[in-house]
Protein backbone atom coordinates (compact mmCIF):
# COMPACT_ATOMS: atom_id res chain seq x y z
CA MET A 1 172.55 54.04 76.89
CA ALA A 2 172.00 53.57 80.56
CA LYS A 3 169.24 55.82 80.14
CA LYS A 4 167.63 53.35 77.42
CA LEU A 5 168.56 50.52 79.59
CA PHE A 6 166.56 51.93 82.80
CA THR A 7 163.90 53.22 80.72
CA LEU A 8 163.11 49.26 79.72
CA LEU A 9 163.93 47.86 83.30
CA PHE A 10 161.47 50.27 84.67
CA LEU A 11 159.05 49.13 81.68
CA PHE A 12 159.35 45.41 82.68
CA VAL A 13 158.84 46.25 85.95
CA LEU A 14 155.64 47.83 85.77
CA ALA A 15 154.23 45.51 83.10
CA LEU A 16 155.00 42.41 85.08
CA PRO A 17 152.35 42.85 87.88
CA LEU A 18 149.59 43.90 85.32
CA SER A 19 150.64 40.97 82.99
CA THR A 20 149.99 38.37 86.08
CA GLY A 21 146.44 39.78 86.84
CA VAL A 22 145.55 39.39 83.52
CA PHE A 23 146.25 35.73 84.39
CA ALA A 24 144.44 35.77 87.74
CA GLN A 25 140.95 37.10 86.10
CA ASP A 26 140.99 34.28 83.50
CA SER A 27 141.66 31.63 86.01
CA MET A 28 138.79 33.12 87.92
CA LYS A 29 135.86 33.61 85.81
CA MET A 30 132.69 32.03 86.25
CA ALA A 31 132.76 28.06 85.25
CA LYS A 32 131.37 27.52 81.78
CA GLU A 33 127.86 26.20 81.79
CA VAL A 34 127.27 22.74 80.58
CA LYS A 35 123.87 21.02 79.61
CA TRP A 36 122.81 17.08 79.81
CA GLU A 37 119.60 15.68 78.67
CA GLY A 38 118.11 12.72 78.54
CA THR A 39 115.82 10.37 80.50
CA VAL A 40 115.42 10.06 84.33
CA VAL A 41 116.64 6.22 85.51
CA ARG A 42 117.40 6.68 89.10
CA THR A 43 116.05 9.03 91.31
CA SER A 44 118.01 9.49 94.96
CA PRO A 45 116.40 12.86 96.96
CA ASP A 46 118.18 11.55 99.89
CA LYS A 47 121.42 11.97 98.07
CA ASN A 48 120.15 14.75 96.04
CA THR A 49 120.61 13.34 92.49
CA LEU A 50 119.34 11.84 89.51
CA THR A 51 120.67 9.86 87.04
CA VAL A 52 120.12 10.97 83.12
CA ARG A 53 120.63 8.37 80.56
CA LYS A 54 121.31 10.04 77.49
CA GLY A 55 119.73 8.15 74.26
CA ASP A 56 118.74 4.72 74.45
CA GLY A 57 120.91 2.42 76.09
CA GLY A 58 123.49 5.68 76.22
CA VAL A 59 125.85 7.30 78.85
CA GLU A 60 124.70 7.86 82.02
CA MET A 61 125.36 10.79 84.36
CA THR A 62 124.52 11.69 87.64
CA ILE A 63 123.38 14.81 88.31
CA VAL A 64 123.67 16.49 91.96
CA TYR A 65 121.18 19.24 92.96
CA ASP A 66 120.95 21.17 95.98
CA SER A 67 118.09 24.03 97.16
CA SER A 68 119.86 26.85 94.84
CA THR A 69 118.75 24.44 91.76
CA LYS A 70 115.55 25.68 90.10
CA TRP A 71 112.96 23.05 88.98
CA VAL A 72 110.55 23.43 86.19
CA ALA A 73 108.17 21.94 83.25
CA GLN A 74 107.57 22.53 79.76
CA TYR A 75 105.84 21.35 76.90
CA HIS A 76 108.04 20.61 73.82
CA ALA A 77 108.28 23.66 71.99
CA ALA A 78 106.24 25.84 74.66
CA LYS A 79 107.34 29.20 75.90
CA THR A 80 105.29 28.85 78.97
CA VAL A 81 107.29 27.45 81.98
CA THR A 82 105.70 26.39 85.38
CA ASP A 83 107.86 26.06 88.25
CA ILE A 84 108.14 22.25 90.34
CA ASP A 85 109.55 20.79 92.65
CA ALA A 86 112.49 17.96 92.87
CA THR A 87 108.95 15.73 94.33
CA GLN A 88 107.48 15.49 90.81
CA VAL A 89 110.24 14.24 88.37
CA LYS A 90 110.13 10.62 88.53
CA GLU A 91 111.86 7.42 86.52
CA GLY A 92 111.45 8.05 82.67
CA ASP A 93 110.53 11.61 82.73
CA ARG A 94 112.73 13.54 79.89
CA VAL A 95 115.02 16.30 81.64
CA ILE A 96 117.36 18.93 80.56
CA CYS A 97 119.63 19.74 83.05
CA LYS A 98 122.12 22.66 83.02
CA GLY A 99 124.45 22.99 85.79
CA THR A 100 128.83 23.31 85.83
CA TRP A 101 131.02 20.56 86.49
CA GLU A 102 132.23 20.58 90.32
CA LYS A 103 135.90 19.46 91.86
CA LYS A 104 136.26 15.84 90.84
CA GLY A 105 134.16 15.42 87.87
CA VAL A 106 130.93 16.30 89.90
CA PHE A 107 128.11 18.04 87.59
CA HIS A 108 126.12 20.50 90.10
CA ALA A 109 122.27 21.24 88.13
CA THR A 110 121.69 24.97 88.44
CA LEU A 111 118.23 24.18 86.62
CA ILE A 112 116.55 20.98 85.76
CA SER A 113 113.46 21.12 83.50
CA LYS A 114 111.42 18.33 83.25
CA ARG A 115 109.80 17.71 79.29
CA LEU A 116 106.52 17.03 78.98
CA SER A 117 104.53 15.58 76.13
CA HIS A 118 101.15 17.08 74.33
CA PRO A 119 98.45 14.68 74.95
CA ALA A 120 97.31 12.68 72.14
């Protein structure tokens, strides 16, 4: 009986650190990528932000970018993607922003894609 109790105690002591390691790994996983798309209503190059409105009169989101943000332009349904810089995105442009939620609810963009219209 004492031998079984000692074995159970040993297994518990061995399993506890392993289980806490698994939970720690879960909390350290990369943040899930999120997407926001709409029309640029304001640009603020001095603050490194874009304000993007989803839909007509819809919700606005402030998108924060930095030097690591990739800027591209692409025609709808085209496979060709062109690299651009932040100065090429203006108010009224359609964009798709991909990034992560940072502390305090800040959307940090890792990619901003300007959507181009085909000439009529």
